[in-house]
């Protein structure tokens, strides 16, 4: 008996508790379905630890545009994150055996807060102090503040040294820490150890905020995504292959990009058009206000250049929308022409002009 392997149908990204939605997702998943594009749900929480080298290799493997690869982690940023998140609060007078506070604490007790205070930031170093604040619990009045440790980031500076290089050192004030009871000393020691651990982690791995920005920028700029609301985008079908690769990358990083196929109907086109016009309109409104402010206050060349860059980005998005969906820009085209003229006047006022093909 001869058996043949039939091609398996594509699996939807999502499986929900709704039978009707699951049926819709199965019906509209596959290369033979006429789609306008996909609604993409982006979710980035606590990502998996990923190094810059791993991310670069994944970009190459998945044939993604390396222009959207985040920069390598910087030691100074690792210092900022590690010390910025160092904070804890606890009631004074914990029972060292049970870890519970005394019953009278709610009325008469005191509360200890350990936190970092910014001290110095200059071309050679950044300094923050770990301090202990003691507050009266009844009225939250601060009693006093004591320095327990100093976290210093010493910058490495040189023509061949990358910006942001350096090293963190933490020096404890043993005299002050030694005056505290054993339970507090343990808490302080653990907090300092966590700072060191966090610093090493952030020096090595890409933070979740950078992963989120990478995915968002790739969706909006490389995949011509139209933001419907925070974390929700429409991506035209022409960018389906790039979106699939980006979804694989997101999964490897511990994030999620789930696609909901959108049929090519008049109703769906209207919905996408409304979303694009709302976004583009808000961008143009903001740009028009800033142009008027620049005209009224005396234009500066560097600010005009930034405004022009914003204008070109909105224009690029409009052209991609028109090309991908075959849609008419209508009022948006007229507004782009108006702002184009305003930009030309701005350039003339600062004694310069953009290239003719950009205006």
Protein backbone atom coordinates (compact mmCIF):
# COMPACT_ATOMS: atom_id res chain seq x y z
CA UNK A 1 0.00 0.00 0.00
CA UNK A 2 1.44 3.33 -1.06
CA UNK A 3 0.85 6.42 1.03
CA UNK A 4 1.40 10.03 0.03
CA UNK A 5 2.16 12.89 2.32
CA UNK A 6 -0.42 15.58 1.79
CA UNK A 7 0.68 19.13 2.52
CA UNK A 8 -0.60 20.22 5.88
CA UNK A 9 -2.66 23.43 5.99
CA UNK A 10 -1.04 26.44 7.58
CA UNK A 11 -1.77 26.77 11.28
CA UNK A 12 -3.23 30.04 12.60
CA UNK A 13 -1.09 32.04 14.99
CA UNK A 14 -3.88 32.14 17.56
CA UNK A 15 -6.14 29.61 19.18
CA UNK A 16 -8.80 31.24 21.33
CA UNK A 17 -11.73 30.16 23.45
CA UNK A 18 -14.14 31.22 20.72
CA UNK A 19 -15.12 28.49 18.25
CA UNK A 20 -16.33 31.06 15.73
CA UNK A 21 -13.06 33.02 15.84
CA UNK A 22 -10.99 29.83 15.63
CA UNK A 23 -12.97 28.77 12.57
CA UNK A 24 -12.43 32.19 10.99
CA UNK A 25 -8.68 32.00 11.63
CA UNK A 26 -8.43 28.53 10.07
CA UNK A 27 -10.52 29.54 7.06
CA UNK A 28 -8.41 32.63 6.30
CA UNK A 29 -4.97 31.15 6.91
CA UNK A 30 -3.11 30.00 3.81
CA UNK A 31 -1.48 31.25 0.64
CA UNK A 32 -4.58 30.72 -1.50
CA UNK A 33 -6.75 33.15 0.48
CA UNK A 34 -7.29 36.67 -0.92
CA UNK A 35 -6.25 38.92 1.94
CA UNK A 36 -5.85 42.63 2.38
CA UNK A 37 -3.22 41.96 5.02
CA UNK A 38 -3.13 41.08 8.69
CA UNK A 39 -3.90 42.70 12.00
CA UNK A 40 -0.82 42.12 14.15
CA UNK A 41 -0.96 41.91 17.94
CA UNK A 42 2.41 42.69 19.51
CA UNK A 43 3.16 41.66 23.09
CA UNK A 44 6.56 42.22 24.70
CA UNK A 45 6.86 41.44 28.38
CA UNK A 46 9.85 39.94 30.14
CA UNK A 47 11.95 38.82 27.18
CA UNK A 48 14.41 35.95 27.06
CA UNK A 49 18.08 36.91 27.62
CA UNK A 50 19.56 37.49 24.16
CA UNK A 51 23.00 38.84 23.31
CA UNK A 52 23.73 41.25 20.48
CA UNK A 53 25.69 38.52 18.66
CA UNK A 54 22.74 36.11 18.86
CA UNK A 55 20.36 38.76 17.59
CA UNK A 56 22.70 39.64 14.71
CA UNK A 57 22.94 35.97 13.70
CA UNK A 58 19.15 35.63 13.78
CA UNK A 59 18.77 38.70 11.55
CA UNK A 60 21.11 37.08 9.03
CA UNK A 61 19.42 33.66 9.22
CA UNK A 62 15.92 35.11 8.82
CA UNK A 63 17.02 37.57 6.12
CA UNK A 64 15.84 40.60 8.09
CA UNK A 65 17.08 44.10 7.39
CA UNK A 66 20.13 44.69 9.65
CA UNK A 67 19.40 48.42 9.69
CA UNK A 68 16.88 47.68 12.46
CA UNK A 69 19.31 45.73 14.63
CA UNK A 70 19.61 47.45 18.04
CA UNK A 71 22.97 48.80 19.17
CA UNK A 72 25.14 46.70 21.45
CA UNK A 73 24.49 47.14 25.20
CA UNK A 74 26.49 49.99 26.74
CA UNK A 75 28.08 49.75 30.16
CA UNK A 76 26.82 53.20 31.18
CA UNK A 77 23.23 52.18 30.37
CA UNK A 78 23.71 48.97 32.38
CA UNK A 79 24.85 51.10 35.33
CA UNK A 80 21.81 53.36 35.00
CA UNK A 81 19.40 50.43 34.93
CA UNK A 82 21.06 48.47 37.72
CA UNK A 83 21.24 51.38 40.14
CA UNK A 84 17.96 52.94 39.04
CA UNK A 85 15.97 49.85 40.03
CA UNK A 86 17.73 49.41 43.41
CA UNK A 87 15.07 50.19 46.01
CA UNK A 88 13.33 48.43 48.87
CA UNK A 89 11.12 49.38 51.80
CA UNK A 90 10.41 47.59 55.06
CA UNK A 91 9.11 48.31 58.59
CA UNK A 92 11.72 48.80 61.30
CA UNK A 93 11.67 46.28 64.10
CA UNK A 94 11.08 43.04 62.23
CA UNK A 95 11.33 39.93 64.34
CA UNK A 96 14.55 38.30 63.04
CA UNK A 97 13.10 34.82 63.67
CA UNK A 98 9.68 35.20 62.04
CA UNK A 99 10.24 38.13 59.68
CA UNK A 100 6.98 39.67 60.94
CA UNK A 101 6.50 43.20 62.18
CA UNK A 102 5.35 44.04 65.66
CA UNK A 103 1.63 44.58 66.18
CA UNK A 104 2.19 48.13 67.40
CA UNK A 105 4.01 49.11 64.19
CA UNK A 106 0.94 50.40 62.38
CA UNK A 107 0.52 53.19 64.97
CA UNK A 108 3.95 53.89 66.37
CA UNK A 109 6.49 52.11 64.16
CA UNK A 110 9.00 53.47 61.69
CA UNK A 111 9.67 52.56 58.07
CA UNK A 112 13.05 52.17 56.38
CA UNK A 113 13.53 52.92 52.67
CA UNK A 114 16.72 52.01 50.83
CA UNK A 115 17.13 53.95 47.60
CA UNK A 116 19.70 55.47 45.25
CA UNK A 117 20.41 59.21 45.26
CA UNK A 118 22.00 60.89 42.24
CA UNK A 119 25.16 62.79 43.20
CA UNK A 120 27.45 63.52 40.24
CA UNK A 121 27.35 63.23 36.45
CA UNK A 122 30.16 64.66 34.34
CA UNK A 123 32.50 63.71 31.49
CA UNK A 124 34.52 61.27 33.59
CA UNK A 125 32.09 59.60 36.00
CA UNK A 126 28.57 59.08 37.29
CA UNK A 127 28.01 58.69 41.04
CA UNK A 128 24.97 57.56 43.02
CA UNK A 129 24.66 56.89 46.74
CA UNK A 130 22.68 54.12 48.39
CA UNK A 131 20.95 55.82 51.30
CA UNK A 132 18.81 54.67 54.21
CA UNK A 133 15.78 56.82 54.97
CA UNK A 134 14.01 56.42 58.30
CA UNK A 135 10.48 57.76 58.40
CA UNK A 136 7.97 57.98 61.24
CA UNK A 137 5.08 55.73 60.23
CA UNK A 138 2.35 57.86 61.83
CA UNK A 139 2.87 60.99 59.72
CA UNK A 140 5.54 59.82 57.24
CA UNK A 141 7.86 62.58 58.50
CA UNK A 142 11.45 61.91 57.45
CA UNK A 143 13.69 61.44 60.46
CA UNK A 144 17.11 61.24 58.80
CA UNK A 145 19.07 59.88 55.85
CA UNK A 146 22.33 57.92 55.99
CA UNK A 147 24.72 56.97 53.18
CA UNK A 148 25.39 53.21 53.13
CA UNK A 149 27.27 52.74 49.85
CA UNK A 150 28.53 54.56 46.75
CA UNK A 151 28.04 53.25 43.23
CA UNK A 152 30.40 54.93 40.79
CA UNK A 153 30.63 54.49 37.04
CA UNK A 154 34.04 55.54 35.70
CA UNK A 155 33.94 56.32 32.00
CA UNK A 156 36.56 55.00 29.58
CA UNK A 157 37.33 57.76 27.10
CA UNK A 158 39.45 57.59 23.97
CA UNK A 159 39.32 58.04 20.18
CA UNK A 160 38.95 54.27 19.59
CA UNK A 161 36.81 53.46 22.63
CA UNK A 162 33.03 53.15 22.05
CA UNK A 163 30.89 55.82 23.71
CA UNK A 164 29.35 54.55 26.95
CA UNK A 165 32.25 52.29 27.89
CA UNK A 166 33.44 52.06 31.47
CA UNK A 167 33.07 50.09 34.67
CA UNK A 168 30.95 50.20 37.82
CA UNK A 169 32.36 49.92 41.31
CA UNK A 170 30.38 49.79 44.58
CA UNK A 171 32.02 50.87 47.85
CA UNK A 172 30.18 50.19 51.10
CA UNK A 173 30.26 52.40 54.20
CA UNK A 174 30.94 49.56 56.64
CA UNK A 175 30.86 51.80 59.72
CA UNK A 176 27.23 52.80 59.07
CA UNK A 177 26.09 49.33 57.99
CA UNK A 178 27.72 47.79 61.07
CA UNK A 179 25.52 49.88 63.36
CA UNK A 180 22.36 48.21 62.07
CA UNK A 181 20.76 45.01 63.30
CA UNK A 182 21.56 41.70 61.50
CA UNK A 183 18.27 41.60 59.61
CA UNK A 184 18.88 45.02 58.04
CA UNK A 185 22.48 44.19 57.23
CA UNK A 186 21.32 41.12 55.32
CA UNK A 187 18.77 43.20 53.36
CA UNK A 188 21.40 45.80 52.44
CA UNK A 189 23.93 43.15 51.41
CA UNK A 190 21.34 41.44 49.21
CA UNK A 191 20.35 44.73 47.55
CA UNK A 192 23.97 45.57 46.72
CA UNK A 193 24.55 42.03 45.40
CA UNK A 194 21.46 42.40 43.20
CA UNK A 195 22.83 45.67 41.78
CA UNK A 196 26.05 43.94 40.79
CA UNK A 197 24.13 41.04 39.27
CA UNK A 198 21.82 43.38 37.35
CA UNK A 199 24.79 45.37 36.04
CA UNK A 200 26.46 42.26 34.62
CA UNK A 201 23.15 41.14 33.09
CA UNK A 202 22.46 44.48 31.40
CA UNK A 203 26.04 44.67 30.08
CA UNK A 204 25.50 41.38 28.27
CA UNK A 205 21.86 41.20 27.17
CA UNK A 206 19.53 43.38 25.08
CA UNK A 207 16.86 44.96 27.35
CA UNK A 208 13.17 44.36 26.70
CA UNK A 209 12.65 48.05 25.85
CA UNK A 210 15.12 47.72 22.96
CA UNK A 211 13.46 44.50 21.75
CA UNK A 212 10.08 46.26 21.82
CA UNK A 213 11.42 49.26 19.87
CA UNK A 214 13.12 46.97 17.34
CA UNK A 215 9.87 45.10 16.63
CA UNK A 216 7.80 48.29 16.56
CA UNK A 217 10.18 50.08 14.17
CA UNK A 218 10.36 47.06 11.87
CA UNK A 219 6.58 46.79 11.77
CA UNK A 220 5.99 50.48 11.13
CA UNK A 221 8.86 51.27 8.76
CA UNK A 222 9.98 48.05 7.07
CA UNK A 223 6.57 46.33 6.95
CA UNK A 224 4.56 49.54 6.32
CA UNK A 225 2.50 48.82 9.42
CA UNK A 226 -0.35 51.15 10.32
CA UNK A 227 -0.88 51.47 14.07
CA UNK A 228 -4.52 50.88 14.94
CA UNK A 229 -3.86 51.32 18.67
CA UNK A 230 -1.01 50.58 21.06
CA UNK A 231 0.39 47.15 20.26
CA UNK A 232 -2.02 46.59 17.35
CA UNK A 233 -1.01 47.13 13.70
CA UNK A 234 -2.28 46.51 10.22
CA UNK A 235 0.38 45.12 7.85
CA UNK A 236 -0.38 44.91 4.09
CA UNK A 237 -0.17 41.48 2.45
CA UNK A 238 2.84 42.57 0.34
CA UNK A 239 4.94 42.38 3.50
CA UNK A 240 3.71 38.95 4.58
CA UNK A 241 7.10 37.25 4.14
CA UNK A 242 8.95 39.87 6.17
CA UNK A 243 6.24 39.72 8.82
CA UNK A 244 6.62 35.94 9.10
CA UNK A 245 10.37 36.29 9.62
CA UNK A 246 9.84 39.05 12.18
CA UNK A 247 7.33 36.86 14.03
CA UNK A 248 9.92 34.09 14.24
CA UNK A 249 12.47 36.56 15.59
CA UNK A 250 9.99 37.84 18.19
CA UNK A 251 9.30 34.30 19.37
CA UNK A 252 13.01 33.59 19.82
CA UNK A 253 13.27 36.71 21.97
CA UNK A 254 10.32 35.68 24.13
CA UNK A 255 7.92 38.21 22.60
CA UNK A 256 4.78 37.58 20.54
CA UNK A 257 3.54 38.76 17.17
CA UNK A 258 0.17 37.18 16.43
CA UNK A 259 -1.44 37.70 13.03
CA UNK A 260 -5.18 37.88 12.39
CA UNK A 261 -5.83 37.66 8.61
CA UNK A 262 -7.95 40.44 7.15
CA UNK A 263 -10.02 39.67 4.01
CA UNK A 264 -9.87 42.08 1.08
CA UNK A 265 -13.35 43.60 1.33
CA UNK A 266 -14.65 47.13 1.00
CA UNK A 267 -15.48 47.21 4.70
CA UNK A 268 -11.97 46.20 5.77
CA UNK A 269 -10.37 48.66 3.32
CA UNK A 270 -12.49 51.43 4.82
CA UNK A 271 -11.41 50.45 8.33
CA UNK A 272 -7.72 50.49 7.40
CA UNK A 273 -8.15 53.76 5.51
CA UNK A 274 -9.80 55.40 8.51
CA UNK A 275 -6.97 54.23 10.77
CA UNK A 276 -4.31 55.51 8.38
CA UNK A 277 -6.01 58.88 7.88
CA UNK A 278 -6.37 59.32 11.66
CA UNK A 279 -2.68 58.56 12.25
CA UNK A 280 -1.47 60.62 9.31
CA UNK A 281 -3.79 63.47 10.24
CA UNK A 282 -2.45 63.56 13.81
CA UNK A 283 1.13 63.55 12.52
CA UNK A 284 0.40 66.38 10.09
CA UNK A 285 -1.44 68.40 12.76
CA UNK A 286 1.56 68.15 15.07
CA UNK A 287 3.94 69.04 12.24
CA UNK A 288 1.84 72.05 11.19
CA UNK A 289 1.81 73.39 14.78
CA UNK A 290 5.57 73.05 15.08
CA UNK A 291 6.11 74.73 11.70
CA UNK A 292 3.90 77.66 12.75
CA UNK A 293 5.80 77.93 16.05
CA UNK A 294 9.11 77.97 14.17
CA UNK A 295 7.87 80.65 11.76
CA UNK A 296 6.66 82.85 14.62
CA UNK A 297 9.73 82.49 16.82
CA UNK A 298 12.51 82.85 14.26
CA UNK A 299 13.56 79.74 12.41
CA UNK A 300 16.81 77.93 13.21
CA UNK A 301 18.46 75.76 10.55
CA UNK A 302 18.92 72.66 12.74
CA UNK A 303 15.28 72.74 13.88
CA UNK A 304 14.06 73.19 10.32
CA UNK A 305 16.12 70.14 9.30
CA UNK A 306 14.40 68.08 12.01
CA UNK A 307 10.97 69.26 10.85
CA UNK A 308 11.87 68.36 7.28
CA UNK A 309 12.90 64.87 8.37
CA UNK A 310 9.53 64.40 10.08
CA UNK A 311 7.74 65.62 6.95
CA UNK A 312 9.62 63.15 4.74
CA UNK A 313 8.69 60.30 7.10
CA UNK A 314 4.97 61.15 6.91
CA UNK A 315 5.24 61.51 3.13
CA UNK A 316 6.97 58.12 2.86
CA UNK A 317 4.24 56.44 4.92
CA UNK A 318 1.54 57.99 2.72
CA UNK A 319 3.24 56.83 -0.47
CA UNK A 320 3.62 53.28 0.89
CA UNK A 321 -0.02 53.20 1.95
CA UNK A 322 -1.09 54.34 -1.51
CA UNK A 323 1.16 51.81 -3.26
CA UNK A 324 0.30 48.83 -1.05
CA UNK A 325 -3.47 49.27 -1.00
CA UNK A 326 -4.04 51.16 -4.25
CA UNK A 327 -5.91 53.79 -2.22
CA UNK A 328 -6.41 57.47 -2.92
CA UNK A 329 -4.96 59.89 -0.40
CA UNK A 330 -7.63 62.55 -0.88
CA UNK A 331 -7.38 65.29 1.76
CA UNK A 332 -4.11 63.85 3.02
CA UNK A 333 -2.45 64.58 -0.34
CA UNK A 334 -3.67 68.18 -0.22
CA UNK A 335 -2.36 68.63 3.31
CA UNK A 336 1.00 67.17 2.31
CA UNK A 337 1.22 69.70 -0.53
CA UNK A 338 0.39 72.54 1.86
CA UNK A 339 3.04 71.52 4.39
CA UNK A 340 5.46 70.99 1.50
CA UNK A 341 5.03 74.66 0.61
CA UNK A 342 5.46 75.73 4.25
CA UNK A 343 8.68 73.71 4.47
CA UNK A 344 10.03 75.42 1.34
CA UNK A 345 9.37 78.84 2.94
CA UNK A 346 11.09 77.71 6.13
CA UNK A 347 14.18 76.59 4.24
CA UNK A 348 14.26 79.91 2.41
CA UNK A 349 14.06 81.80 5.72
CA UNK A 350 17.22 80.10 7.02
CA UNK A 351 19.10 80.55 3.76
CA UNK A 352 18.89 77.00 2.47
CA UNK A 353 16.72 74.59 0.55
CA UNK A 354 16.03 70.90 0.44
CA UNK A 355 16.56 68.86 -2.69
CA UNK A 356 13.88 69.46 -5.27
CA UNK A 357 12.82 65.81 -5.28
CA UNK A 358 12.24 65.92 -1.53
CA UNK A 359 9.90 68.92 -1.57
